[in-house]
N, C-alpha and C. Protein backbone atom coordinates (compact mmCIF):
# COMPACT_ATOMS: atom_id res chain seq x y z
N MET A 1 0.82 -1.19 0.00
CA MET A 1 0.00 0.00 0.00
C MET A 1 0.87 1.26 0.00
N ILE A 2 1.98 1.18 0.70
CA ILE A 2 2.86 2.35 0.77
C ILE A 2 3.42 2.69 -0.61
N GLU A 3 3.81 1.68 -1.37
CA GLU A 3 4.34 1.94 -2.71
C GLU A 3 3.28 2.55 -3.62
N GLY A 4 2.05 2.07 -3.51
CA GLY A 4 0.97 2.67 -4.28
C GLY A 4 0.70 4.11 -3.86
N ALA A 5 0.85 4.38 -2.58
CA ALA A 5 0.67 5.74 -2.09
C ALA A 5 1.76 6.66 -2.63
N TRP A 6 2.99 6.16 -2.71
CA TRP A 6 4.07 6.97 -3.28
C TRP A 6 3.77 7.31 -4.74
N VAL A 7 3.28 6.36 -5.49
CA VAL A 7 2.94 6.61 -6.89
C VAL A 7 1.82 7.64 -6.99
N ALA A 8 0.80 7.51 -6.14
CA ALA A 8 -0.31 8.46 -6.16
C ALA A 8 0.17 9.86 -5.81
N VAL A 9 1.06 9.97 -4.83
CA VAL A 9 1.57 11.28 -4.42
C VAL A 9 2.42 11.90 -5.52
N GLU A 10 3.19 11.08 -6.22
CA GLU A 10 4.06 11.61 -7.28
C GLU A 10 3.29 12.03 -8.52
N HIS A 11 2.16 11.36 -8.82
CA HIS A 11 1.51 11.58 -10.11
C HIS A 11 0.14 12.24 -10.05
N HIS A 12 -0.43 12.43 -8.89
CA HIS A 12 -1.78 12.98 -8.82
C HIS A 12 -1.78 14.22 -7.92
N PRO A 13 -2.27 15.34 -8.43
CA PRO A 13 -2.22 16.57 -7.64
C PRO A 13 -3.02 16.52 -6.33
N TYR A 14 -4.14 15.82 -6.32
CA TYR A 14 -4.92 15.74 -5.09
C TYR A 14 -4.15 15.02 -3.99
N TRP A 15 -3.58 13.86 -4.32
CA TRP A 15 -2.85 13.10 -3.31
C TRP A 15 -1.55 13.80 -2.92
N ASN A 16 -0.96 14.52 -3.85
CA ASN A 16 0.24 15.29 -3.54
C ASN A 16 -0.09 16.39 -2.52
N ALA A 17 -1.21 17.08 -2.71
CA ALA A 17 -1.62 18.12 -1.77
C ALA A 17 -1.94 17.53 -0.40
N GLN A 18 -2.59 16.36 -0.39
CA GLN A 18 -2.88 15.69 0.88
C GLN A 18 -1.59 15.35 1.62
N PHE A 19 -0.63 14.80 0.87
CA PHE A 19 0.65 14.43 1.47
C PHE A 19 1.38 15.66 2.01
N ASP A 20 1.44 16.73 1.24
CA ASP A 20 2.13 17.94 1.68
C ASP A 20 1.49 18.51 2.94
N ARG A 21 0.17 18.51 2.98
CA ARG A 21 -0.54 19.02 4.15
C ARG A 21 -0.24 18.18 5.38
N LEU A 22 -0.25 16.87 5.23
CA LEU A 22 0.01 15.98 6.36
C LEU A 22 1.49 15.96 6.75
N ALA A 23 2.39 16.03 5.76
CA ALA A 23 3.83 15.97 6.04
C ALA A 23 4.29 17.18 6.84
N ALA A 24 3.68 18.32 6.62
CA ALA A 24 4.05 19.51 7.38
C ALA A 24 3.74 19.33 8.87
N ARG A 25 2.71 18.58 9.16
CA ARG A 25 2.28 18.40 10.54
C ARG A 25 2.84 17.13 11.19
N LEU A 26 2.91 16.04 10.42
CA LEU A 26 3.25 14.74 11.00
C LEU A 26 4.65 14.23 10.66
N GLY A 27 5.22 14.72 9.60
CA GLY A 27 6.46 14.15 9.08
C GLY A 27 6.15 13.29 7.87
N LYS A 28 7.17 13.06 7.05
CA LYS A 28 6.94 12.37 5.76
C LYS A 28 6.49 10.92 5.92
N GLN A 29 7.09 10.18 6.83
CA GLN A 29 6.75 8.76 6.94
C GLN A 29 5.32 8.55 7.44
N LYS A 30 4.94 9.29 8.46
CA LYS A 30 3.58 9.15 8.98
C LYS A 30 2.55 9.68 7.98
N ALA A 31 2.92 10.73 7.26
CA ALA A 31 2.02 11.27 6.24
C ALA A 31 1.80 10.24 5.14
N MET A 32 2.85 9.53 4.75
CA MET A 32 2.70 8.52 3.70
C MET A 32 1.82 7.37 4.17
N VAL A 33 1.94 6.97 5.43
CA VAL A 33 1.07 5.93 5.97
C VAL A 33 -0.39 6.41 5.97
N ALA A 34 -0.59 7.68 6.31
CA ALA A 34 -1.95 8.23 6.31
C ALA A 34 -2.53 8.25 4.89
N VAL A 35 -1.74 8.62 3.91
CA VAL A 35 -2.21 8.61 2.52
C VAL A 35 -2.50 7.18 2.08
N ALA A 36 -1.63 6.25 2.47
CA ALA A 36 -1.83 4.84 2.11
C ALA A 36 -3.12 4.30 2.73
N ARG A 37 -3.49 4.78 3.90
CA ARG A 37 -4.73 4.36 4.53
C ARG A 37 -5.94 4.97 3.83
N LYS A 38 -5.79 6.18 3.30
CA LYS A 38 -6.91 6.86 2.63
C LYS A 38 -7.17 6.32 1.23
N LEU A 39 -6.17 5.75 0.59
CA LEU A 39 -6.35 5.25 -0.78
C LEU A 39 -7.43 4.18 -0.90
N PRO A 40 -7.44 3.14 -0.07
CA PRO A 40 -8.51 2.14 -0.21
C PRO A 40 -9.89 2.72 0.07
N VAL A 41 -9.96 3.71 0.95
CA VAL A 41 -11.25 4.36 1.23
C VAL A 41 -11.75 5.07 -0.02
N ALA A 42 -10.84 5.67 -0.78
CA ALA A 42 -11.23 6.37 -2.01
C ALA A 42 -11.53 5.39 -3.14
N ILE A 43 -10.87 4.25 -3.14
CA ILE A 43 -11.03 3.28 -4.22
C ILE A 43 -12.29 2.43 -4.04
N TRP A 44 -12.73 2.24 -2.82
CA TRP A 44 -13.85 1.35 -2.54
C TRP A 44 -15.11 1.67 -3.35
N PRO A 45 -15.60 2.91 -3.41
CA PRO A 45 -16.80 3.18 -4.23
C PRO A 45 -16.57 2.93 -5.72
N VAL A 46 -15.36 3.12 -6.18
CA VAL A 46 -15.06 2.87 -7.59
C VAL A 46 -15.23 1.39 -7.90
N LEU A 47 -14.78 0.53 -7.02
CA LEU A 47 -14.85 -0.90 -7.25
C LEU A 47 -16.22 -1.50 -6.96
N THR A 48 -16.88 -1.05 -5.91
CA THR A 48 -18.14 -1.68 -5.51
C THR A 48 -19.36 -1.10 -6.22
N LYS A 49 -19.41 0.23 -6.36
CA LYS A 49 -20.57 0.87 -6.97
C LYS A 49 -20.35 1.25 -8.42
N ARG A 50 -19.15 1.02 -8.91
CA ARG A 50 -18.77 1.38 -10.29
C ARG A 50 -19.01 2.86 -10.57
N GLU A 51 -18.59 3.68 -9.62
CA GLU A 51 -18.68 5.12 -9.76
C GLU A 51 -17.33 5.66 -10.19
N ALA A 52 -17.34 6.82 -10.80
CA ALA A 52 -16.07 7.48 -11.14
C ALA A 52 -15.48 8.09 -9.88
N ASP A 53 -14.17 8.17 -9.86
CA ASP A 53 -13.46 8.77 -8.74
C ASP A 53 -13.72 10.27 -8.72
N ASP A 54 -14.04 10.82 -7.55
CA ASP A 54 -14.31 12.25 -7.44
C ASP A 54 -13.08 13.08 -7.79
N GLN A 55 -11.91 12.57 -7.49
CA GLN A 55 -10.68 13.32 -7.71
C GLN A 55 -9.99 12.95 -9.03
N GLY A 56 -10.62 12.11 -9.82
CA GLY A 56 -10.00 11.62 -11.05
C GLY A 56 -9.92 12.69 -12.14
N ASP A 57 -8.94 12.56 -13.00
CA ASP A 57 -8.76 13.45 -14.14
C ASP A 57 -9.61 12.90 -15.29
N THR A 58 -10.63 13.65 -15.69
CA THR A 58 -11.57 13.14 -16.68
C THR A 58 -10.91 12.89 -18.04
N GLN A 59 -9.97 13.72 -18.42
CA GLN A 59 -9.28 13.51 -19.69
C GLN A 59 -8.42 12.25 -19.63
N ALA A 60 -7.80 11.99 -18.50
CA ALA A 60 -7.00 10.77 -18.36
C ALA A 60 -7.89 9.53 -18.42
N VAL A 61 -9.07 9.59 -17.80
CA VAL A 61 -10.00 8.47 -17.85
C VAL A 61 -10.46 8.23 -19.29
N ALA A 62 -10.79 9.30 -19.99
CA ALA A 62 -11.23 9.17 -21.39
C ALA A 62 -10.12 8.60 -22.26
N ARG A 63 -8.89 9.06 -22.04
CA ARG A 63 -7.76 8.56 -22.83
C ARG A 63 -7.51 7.09 -22.56
N LYS A 64 -7.57 6.67 -21.30
CA LYS A 64 -7.35 5.26 -20.96
C LYS A 64 -8.47 4.38 -21.52
N LEU A 65 -9.71 4.85 -21.45
CA LEU A 65 -10.82 4.09 -22.02
C LEU A 65 -10.69 3.96 -23.53
N LEU A 66 -10.26 5.03 -24.18
CA LEU A 66 -10.08 4.98 -25.63
C LEU A 66 -9.00 3.97 -26.01
N THR A 67 -7.93 3.93 -25.24
CA THR A 67 -6.87 2.95 -25.48
C THR A 67 -7.40 1.54 -25.28
N TRP A 68 -8.17 1.34 -24.21
CA TRP A 68 -8.73 0.02 -23.93
C TRP A 68 -9.71 -0.39 -25.05
N LEU A 69 -10.54 0.54 -25.51
CA LEU A 69 -11.48 0.22 -26.58
C LEU A 69 -10.76 -0.11 -27.88
N SER A 70 -9.62 0.49 -28.10
CA SER A 70 -8.84 0.18 -29.30
C SER A 70 -8.37 -1.26 -29.28
N ARG A 71 -8.07 -1.77 -28.10
CA ARG A 71 -7.54 -3.13 -27.98
C ARG A 71 -8.62 -4.19 -27.91
N CYS A 72 -9.64 -3.95 -27.07
CA CYS A 72 -10.56 -5.07 -26.82
C CYS A 72 -12.01 -4.63 -26.58
N GLY A 73 -12.40 -3.45 -26.97
CA GLY A 73 -13.72 -2.96 -26.62
C GLY A 73 -14.84 -3.34 -27.56
N ARG A 74 -14.53 -3.82 -28.76
CA ARG A 74 -15.59 -4.15 -29.73
C ARG A 74 -15.96 -5.62 -29.65
N LEU A 75 -17.24 -5.87 -29.84
CA LEU A 75 -17.70 -7.25 -29.85
C LEU A 75 -17.61 -7.80 -31.27
N PRO A 76 -17.30 -9.08 -31.43
CA PRO A 76 -17.23 -9.66 -32.77
C PRO A 76 -18.56 -9.55 -33.49
N GLY A 77 -18.51 -9.15 -34.76
CA GLY A 77 -19.70 -9.06 -35.56
C GLY A 77 -20.49 -7.77 -35.40
N GLN A 78 -20.08 -6.93 -34.45
CA GLN A 78 -20.77 -5.66 -34.25
C GLN A 78 -19.79 -4.53 -34.49
N TYR A 79 -20.19 -3.61 -35.34
CA TYR A 79 -19.32 -2.46 -35.58
C TYR A 79 -19.95 -1.23 -34.96
N ARG A 80 -19.23 -0.60 -34.09
CA ARG A 80 -19.58 0.70 -33.56
C ARG A 80 -18.28 1.50 -33.51
N SER A 81 -18.37 2.76 -33.73
CA SER A 81 -17.15 3.57 -33.71
C SER A 81 -16.61 3.63 -32.29
N ARG A 82 -15.30 3.81 -32.21
CA ARG A 82 -14.67 3.91 -30.89
C ARG A 82 -15.18 5.12 -30.13
N ARG A 83 -15.44 6.19 -30.85
CA ARG A 83 -15.92 7.40 -30.18
C ARG A 83 -17.30 7.18 -29.57
N ARG A 84 -18.18 6.46 -30.27
CA ARG A 84 -19.52 6.20 -29.73
C ARG A 84 -19.41 5.25 -28.52
N LEU A 85 -18.57 4.24 -28.63
CA LEU A 85 -18.37 3.34 -27.48
C LEU A 85 -17.79 4.09 -26.29
N LEU A 86 -16.84 4.99 -26.55
CA LEU A 86 -16.25 5.78 -25.48
C LEU A 86 -17.30 6.65 -24.82
N ARG A 87 -18.16 7.28 -25.62
CA ARG A 87 -19.23 8.11 -25.07
C ARG A 87 -20.15 7.28 -24.18
N GLN A 88 -20.49 6.06 -24.61
CA GLN A 88 -21.36 5.20 -23.81
C GLN A 88 -20.72 4.84 -22.48
N ARG A 89 -19.44 4.47 -22.52
CA ARG A 89 -18.75 4.10 -21.28
C ARG A 89 -18.63 5.29 -20.33
N LEU A 90 -18.33 6.47 -20.86
CA LEU A 90 -18.22 7.66 -20.01
C LEU A 90 -19.57 8.03 -19.41
N ASP A 91 -20.64 7.87 -20.19
CA ASP A 91 -21.97 8.14 -19.67
C ASP A 91 -22.34 7.16 -18.56
N GLN A 92 -21.93 5.90 -18.71
CA GLN A 92 -22.20 4.91 -17.68
C GLN A 92 -21.49 5.27 -16.38
N LEU A 93 -20.30 5.85 -16.50
CA LEU A 93 -19.55 6.25 -15.31
C LEU A 93 -19.99 7.59 -14.76
N GLY A 94 -20.81 8.31 -15.52
CA GLY A 94 -21.27 9.62 -15.06
C GLY A 94 -20.24 10.71 -15.29
N ILE A 95 -19.35 10.52 -16.27
CA ILE A 95 -18.32 11.51 -16.57
C ILE A 95 -18.76 12.30 -17.79
N ASN A 96 -18.79 13.61 -17.64
CA ASN A 96 -19.25 14.49 -18.71
C ASN A 96 -18.05 15.11 -19.40
N VAL A 97 -17.66 14.56 -20.53
CA VAL A 97 -16.55 15.06 -21.33
C VAL A 97 -17.02 15.15 -22.77
N ASP A 98 -16.73 16.27 -23.43
CA ASP A 98 -17.14 16.43 -24.82
C ASP A 98 -16.04 16.09 -25.81
N THR A 99 -14.78 16.18 -25.38
CA THR A 99 -13.67 15.84 -26.26
C THR A 99 -12.69 14.95 -25.50
N ALA A 100 -12.04 14.08 -26.24
CA ALA A 100 -11.00 13.22 -25.67
C ALA A 100 -9.70 13.53 -26.39
N THR A 101 -8.66 13.83 -25.63
CA THR A 101 -7.36 14.14 -26.20
C THR A 101 -6.48 12.91 -26.11
N TYR A 102 -5.86 12.56 -27.23
CA TYR A 102 -4.97 11.40 -27.24
C TYR A 102 -3.91 11.59 -28.30
N LEU A 103 -2.71 11.20 -28.02
CA LEU A 103 -1.58 11.25 -28.95
C LEU A 103 -1.49 12.59 -29.69
N GLY A 104 -1.72 13.66 -28.98
CA GLY A 104 -1.63 14.97 -29.57
C GLY A 104 -2.85 15.37 -30.38
N GLY A 105 -3.80 14.46 -30.57
CA GLY A 105 -5.01 14.77 -31.33
C GLY A 105 -6.18 14.96 -30.39
N GLU A 106 -7.27 15.42 -30.96
CA GLU A 106 -8.46 15.64 -30.15
C GLU A 106 -9.65 15.04 -30.89
N SER A 107 -10.47 14.31 -30.18
CA SER A 107 -11.63 13.65 -30.78
C SER A 107 -12.89 14.17 -30.11
N HIS A 108 -13.81 14.69 -30.89
CA HIS A 108 -15.09 15.15 -30.36
C HIS A 108 -16.01 13.95 -30.22
N LEU A 109 -16.60 13.80 -29.06
CA LEU A 109 -17.43 12.64 -28.78
C LEU A 109 -18.88 12.94 -29.13
N PRO A 110 -19.54 12.01 -29.82
CA PRO A 110 -20.93 12.23 -30.23
C PRO A 110 -21.87 12.14 -29.03
N ARG A 111 -22.93 12.89 -29.10
CA ARG A 111 -23.99 12.79 -28.10
C ARG A 111 -25.07 11.88 -28.67
N GLY A 112 -25.51 10.97 -27.88
CA GLY A 112 -26.53 10.05 -28.34
C GLY A 112 -27.58 9.83 -27.26
N GLU A 113 -28.41 8.85 -27.50
CA GLU A 113 -29.41 8.51 -26.50
C GLU A 113 -28.71 7.87 -25.32
N PRO A 114 -29.24 8.08 -24.11
CA PRO A 114 -28.62 7.50 -22.92
C PRO A 114 -28.59 5.98 -22.99
N VAL A 115 -27.54 5.42 -22.48
CA VAL A 115 -27.36 3.97 -22.48
C VAL A 115 -27.73 3.45 -21.10
N PRO A 116 -28.55 2.40 -21.02
CA PRO A 116 -28.89 1.87 -19.71
C PRO A 116 -27.66 1.26 -19.04
N VAL A 117 -27.55 1.47 -17.76
CA VAL A 117 -26.42 0.95 -16.99
C VAL A 117 -26.70 -0.48 -16.60
N ARG A 118 -25.75 -1.37 -16.92
CA ARG A 118 -25.92 -2.78 -16.56
C ARG A 118 -25.41 -3.00 -15.14
N GLU A 119 -26.12 -3.78 -14.41
CA GLU A 119 -25.73 -4.08 -13.02
C GLU A 119 -24.78 -5.24 -12.98
C-alpha cells in the first residue's frame, strides 16, 4: 500500500496536496502511511458501486478508455465507432466530457441517446 501511495503522491495533484498538508504536521513517513490508509477508502466506491473517482482526471479516464477500446472494446460481428463506445462508457460512469485528447489529437465525442447501466 505504501508503494501505491508513493505513486499516487508523485503523479496525482490531489494526493500530492494531501501528502504535503500531512507531512508539514506529521512528518513524511507518517504522512505517507496516512495517505496509504486513505487510498482504499477512495477506491472502494469505484470498485463496488462502479462510480467514477471524485478526484479523477476526466481527460485521463477518457484517454485510458479509448486505449482500452482500441484493444478489446468491440464485440465480434458488431461495428460501432470507438468514439460512440467511449461516449457510452463515459456516460455509464457519469463523466461528462465532450472531447477526448490522445496522442496529440483531439476527438469530439458524439452525443446520443442515454445507455442503460448494466448491473
